[in-house]
């Protein structure tokens, strides 16, 4: 690789998915965030009860959150379709054979 810069990005040598523990932690984090959004929605609905359409909007927003959180938490993450740096050998040409061969005589 004379004269060219080397690509220092890591080379992916396997198509293994993240470990089960990593997947579970990510799903658990998504579930907790979604369920954590439900409490502020209900509190805002209670604080805005004098404006019925706004209070109903917050309640309507909080109703499907548990259902969506369970669906998202129980779903496997999709396979990533990212461009990865895979190892590729450099193409090397076979040397030509039209060189002069110097041979010795074994009897000498």
C-alpha atoms as a PDB file:
ATOM      1  CA  UNK A   1       0.000   0.000   0.000  1.00  0.00           C
ATOM      2  CA  UNK A   2       2.698   2.446  -0.887  1.00  0.00           C
ATOM      3  CA  UNK A   3       1.522   5.965  -1.489  1.00  0.00           C
ATOM      4  CA  UNK A   4      -2.034   5.384  -0.285  1.00  0.00           C
ATOM      5  CA  UNK A   5      -3.581   5.926   3.086  1.00  0.00           C
ATOM      6  CA  UNK A   6      -4.549   2.923   5.122  1.00  0.00           C
ATOM      7  CA  UNK A   7      -8.202   2.403   6.051  1.00  0.00           C
ATOM      8  CA  UNK A   8      -8.216   2.122   9.864  1.00  0.00           C
ATOM      9  CA  UNK A   9     -11.897   1.217  10.272  1.00  0.00           C
ATOM     10  CA  UNK A  10     -12.390  -2.085  12.083  1.00  0.00           C
ATOM     11  CA  UNK A  11     -12.870  -5.121   9.903  1.00  0.00           C
ATOM     12  CA  UNK A  12     -16.023  -7.150  10.534  1.00  0.00           C
ATOM     13  CA  UNK A  13     -15.185 -10.833  10.421  1.00  0.00           C
ATOM     14  CA  UNK A  14     -18.511 -12.202  11.623  1.00  0.00           C
ATOM     15  CA  UNK A  15     -22.188 -11.576  11.115  1.00  0.00           C
ATOM     16  CA  UNK A  16     -22.987 -12.258  14.765  1.00  0.00           C
ATOM     17  CA  UNK A  17     -25.737 -10.185  16.344  1.00  0.00           C
ATOM     18  CA  UNK A  18     -25.286  -8.365  19.646  1.00  0.00           C
ATOM     19  CA  UNK A  19     -25.435 -10.644  22.656  1.00  0.00           C
ATOM     20  CA  UNK A  20     -28.775 -11.536  24.226  1.00  0.00           C
ATOM     21  CA  UNK A  21     -27.899  -9.450  27.297  1.00  0.00           C
ATOM     22  CA  UNK A  22     -27.208  -6.368  25.145  1.00  0.00           C
ATOM     23  CA  UNK A  23     -30.459  -6.848  23.228  1.00  0.00           C
ATOM     24  CA  UNK A  24     -32.407  -7.333  26.457  1.00  0.00           C
ATOM     25  CA  UNK A  25     -30.876  -4.187  28.005  1.00  0.00           C
ATOM     26  CA  UNK A  26     -31.809  -2.119  24.937  1.00  0.00           C
ATOM     27  CA  UNK A  27     -35.383  -3.447  24.918  1.00  0.00           C
ATOM     28  CA  UNK A  28     -35.708  -2.854  28.659  1.00  0.00           C
ATOM     29  CA  UNK A  29     -34.444   0.721  28.252  1.00  0.00           C
ATOM     30  CA  UNK A  30     -37.041   1.406  25.499  1.00  0.00           C
ATOM     31  CA  UNK A  31     -39.813  -0.046  27.680  1.00  0.00           C
ATOM     32  CA  UNK A  32     -38.823   2.065  30.678  1.00  0.00           C
ATOM     33  CA  UNK A  33     -38.690   5.249  28.603  1.00  0.00           C
ATOM     34  CA  UNK A  34     -42.127   4.651  27.088  1.00  0.00           C
ATOM     35  CA  UNK A  35     -43.707   3.756  30.410  1.00  0.00           C
ATOM     36  CA  UNK A  36     -41.949   6.722  31.989  1.00  0.00           C
ATOM     37  CA  UNK A  37     -43.713   8.991  29.501  1.00  0.00           C
ATOM     38  CA  UNK A  38     -47.115   7.731  30.628  1.00  0.00           C
ATOM     39  CA  UNK A  39     -46.965   9.223  34.134  1.00  0.00           C
ATOM     40  CA  UNK A  40     -46.247  12.802  32.952  1.00  0.00           C
ATOM     41  CA  UNK A  41     -49.112  12.485  30.429  1.00  0.00           C
ATOM     42  CA  UNK A  42     -51.538  11.499  33.179  1.00  0.00           C
ATOM     43  CA  UNK A  43     -50.238  14.249  35.473  1.00  0.00           C
ATOM     44  CA  UNK A  44     -50.601  16.827  32.718  1.00  0.00           C
ATOM     45  CA  UNK A  45     -54.137  15.587  32.067  1.00  0.00           C
ATOM     46  CA  UNK A  46     -54.926  16.128  35.753  1.00  0.00           C
ATOM     47  CA  UNK A  47     -53.351  19.584  35.773  1.00  0.00           C
ATOM     48  CA  UNK A  48     -55.204  20.678  32.628  1.00  0.00           C
ATOM     49  CA  UNK A  49     -58.668  19.349  33.578  1.00  0.00           C
ATOM     50  CA  UNK A  50     -60.059  22.868  33.161  1.00  0.00           C
ATOM     51  CA  UNK A  51     -59.267  22.697  29.445  1.00  0.00           C
ATOM     52  CA  UNK A  52     -61.146  19.497  28.537  1.00  0.00           C
ATOM     53  CA  UNK A  53     -59.795  19.014  25.010  1.00  0.00           C
ATOM     54  CA  UNK A  54     -56.190  19.292  26.246  1.00  0.00           C
ATOM     55  CA  UNK A  55     -56.788  16.947  29.187  1.00  0.00           C
ATOM     56  CA  UNK A  56     -58.468  14.395  26.901  1.00  0.00           C
ATOM     57  CA  UNK A  57     -55.542  14.700  24.499  1.00  0.00           C
ATOM     58  CA  UNK A  58     -53.078  13.798  27.255  1.00  0.00           C
ATOM     59  CA  UNK A  59     -55.261  10.875  28.374  1.00  0.00           C
ATOM     60  CA  UNK A  60     -55.626   9.664  24.784  1.00  0.00           C
ATOM     61  CA  UNK A  61     -51.856   9.857  24.400  1.00  0.00           C
ATOM     62  CA  UNK A  62     -51.241   7.856  27.570  1.00  0.00           C
ATOM     63  CA  UNK A  63     -53.698   5.018  26.805  1.00  0.00           C
ATOM     64  CA  UNK A  64     -51.782   3.233  23.987  1.00  0.00           C
ATOM     65  CA  UNK A  65     -48.355   3.687  25.591  1.00  0.00           C
ATOM     66  CA  UNK A  66     -48.370   0.438  27.661  1.00  0.00           C
ATOM     67  CA  UNK A  67     -49.506  -1.597  24.661  1.00  0.00           C
ATOM     68  CA  UNK A  68     -46.867  -0.058  22.380  1.00  0.00           C
ATOM     69  CA  UNK A  69     -44.167  -0.414  25.060  1.00  0.00           C
ATOM     70  CA  UNK A  70     -44.865  -4.141  25.448  1.00  0.00           C
ATOM     71  CA  UNK A  71     -44.851  -4.698  21.683  1.00  0.00           C
ATOM     72  CA  UNK A  72     -41.576  -2.852  21.234  1.00  0.00           C
ATOM     73  CA  UNK A  73     -39.940  -4.483  24.275  1.00  0.00           C
ATOM     74  CA  UNK A  74     -40.853  -7.997  23.131  1.00  0.00           C
ATOM     75  CA  UNK A  75     -39.775  -7.495  19.523  1.00  0.00           C
ATOM     76  CA  UNK A  76     -36.313  -8.497  18.390  1.00  0.00           C
ATOM     77  CA  UNK A  77     -34.246  -5.699  16.919  1.00  0.00           C
ATOM     78  CA  UNK A  78     -34.095  -5.776  13.120  1.00  0.00           C
ATOM     79  CA  UNK A  79     -30.926  -6.921  11.412  1.00  0.00           C
ATOM     80  CA  UNK A  80     -28.811  -3.953  10.553  1.00  0.00           C
ATOM     81  CA  UNK A  81     -28.210  -3.303   6.902  1.00  0.00           C
ATOM     82  CA  UNK A  82     -25.159  -1.168   7.375  1.00  0.00           C
ATOM     83  CA  UNK A  83     -22.128  -0.932   5.222  1.00  0.00           C
ATOM     84  CA  UNK A  84     -19.317  -2.689   7.030  1.00  0.00           C
ATOM     85  CA  UNK A  85     -15.653  -2.929   6.316  1.00  0.00           C
ATOM     86  CA  UNK A  86     -15.022  -6.521   5.308  1.00  0.00           C
ATOM     87  CA  UNK A  87     -11.600  -7.971   4.717  1.00  0.00           C
ATOM     88  CA  UNK A  88     -10.688  -8.253   1.064  1.00  0.00           C
ATOM     89  CA  UNK A  89      -7.350  -9.489  -0.157  1.00  0.00           C
ATOM     90  CA  UNK A  90      -5.427  -7.342  -2.543  1.00  0.00           C
ATOM     91  CA  UNK A  91      -5.311  -8.758  -6.035  1.00  0.00           C
ATOM     92  CA  UNK A  92      -1.734  -9.776  -6.839  1.00  0.00           C
ATOM     93  CA  UNK A  93      -0.609 -10.538 -10.370  1.00  0.00           C
ATOM     94  CA  UNK A  94       1.329 -13.695 -11.080  1.00  0.00           C
ATOM     95  CA  UNK A  95       4.849 -12.930 -12.198  1.00  0.00           C
ATOM     96  CA  UNK A  96       5.516 -13.332 -15.880  1.00  0.00           C
ATOM     97  CA  UNK A  97       7.793 -16.232 -16.901  1.00  0.00           C
ATOM     98  CA  UNK A  98       9.769 -14.533 -19.667  1.00  0.00           C
ATOM     99  CA  UNK A  99      12.876 -13.975 -17.534  1.00  0.00           C
ATOM    100  CA  UNK A 100      16.308 -15.331 -18.302  1.00  0.00           C
ATOM    101  CA  UNK A 101      17.013 -18.536 -16.405  1.00  0.00           C
ATOM    102  CA  UNK A 102      20.590 -19.213 -15.428  1.00  0.00           C
ATOM    103  CA  UNK A 103      21.116 -22.884 -14.962  1.00  0.00           C
ATOM    104  CA  UNK A 104      24.268 -24.640 -13.847  1.00  0.00           C
ATOM    105  CA  UNK A 105      25.566 -27.907 -15.141  1.00  0.00           C
ATOM    106  CA  UNK A 106      25.514 -30.453 -12.305  1.00  0.00           C
ATOM    107  CA  UNK A 107      28.612 -32.212 -13.758  1.00  0.00           C
ATOM    108  CA  UNK A 108      30.899 -29.248 -13.165  1.00  0.00           C
END
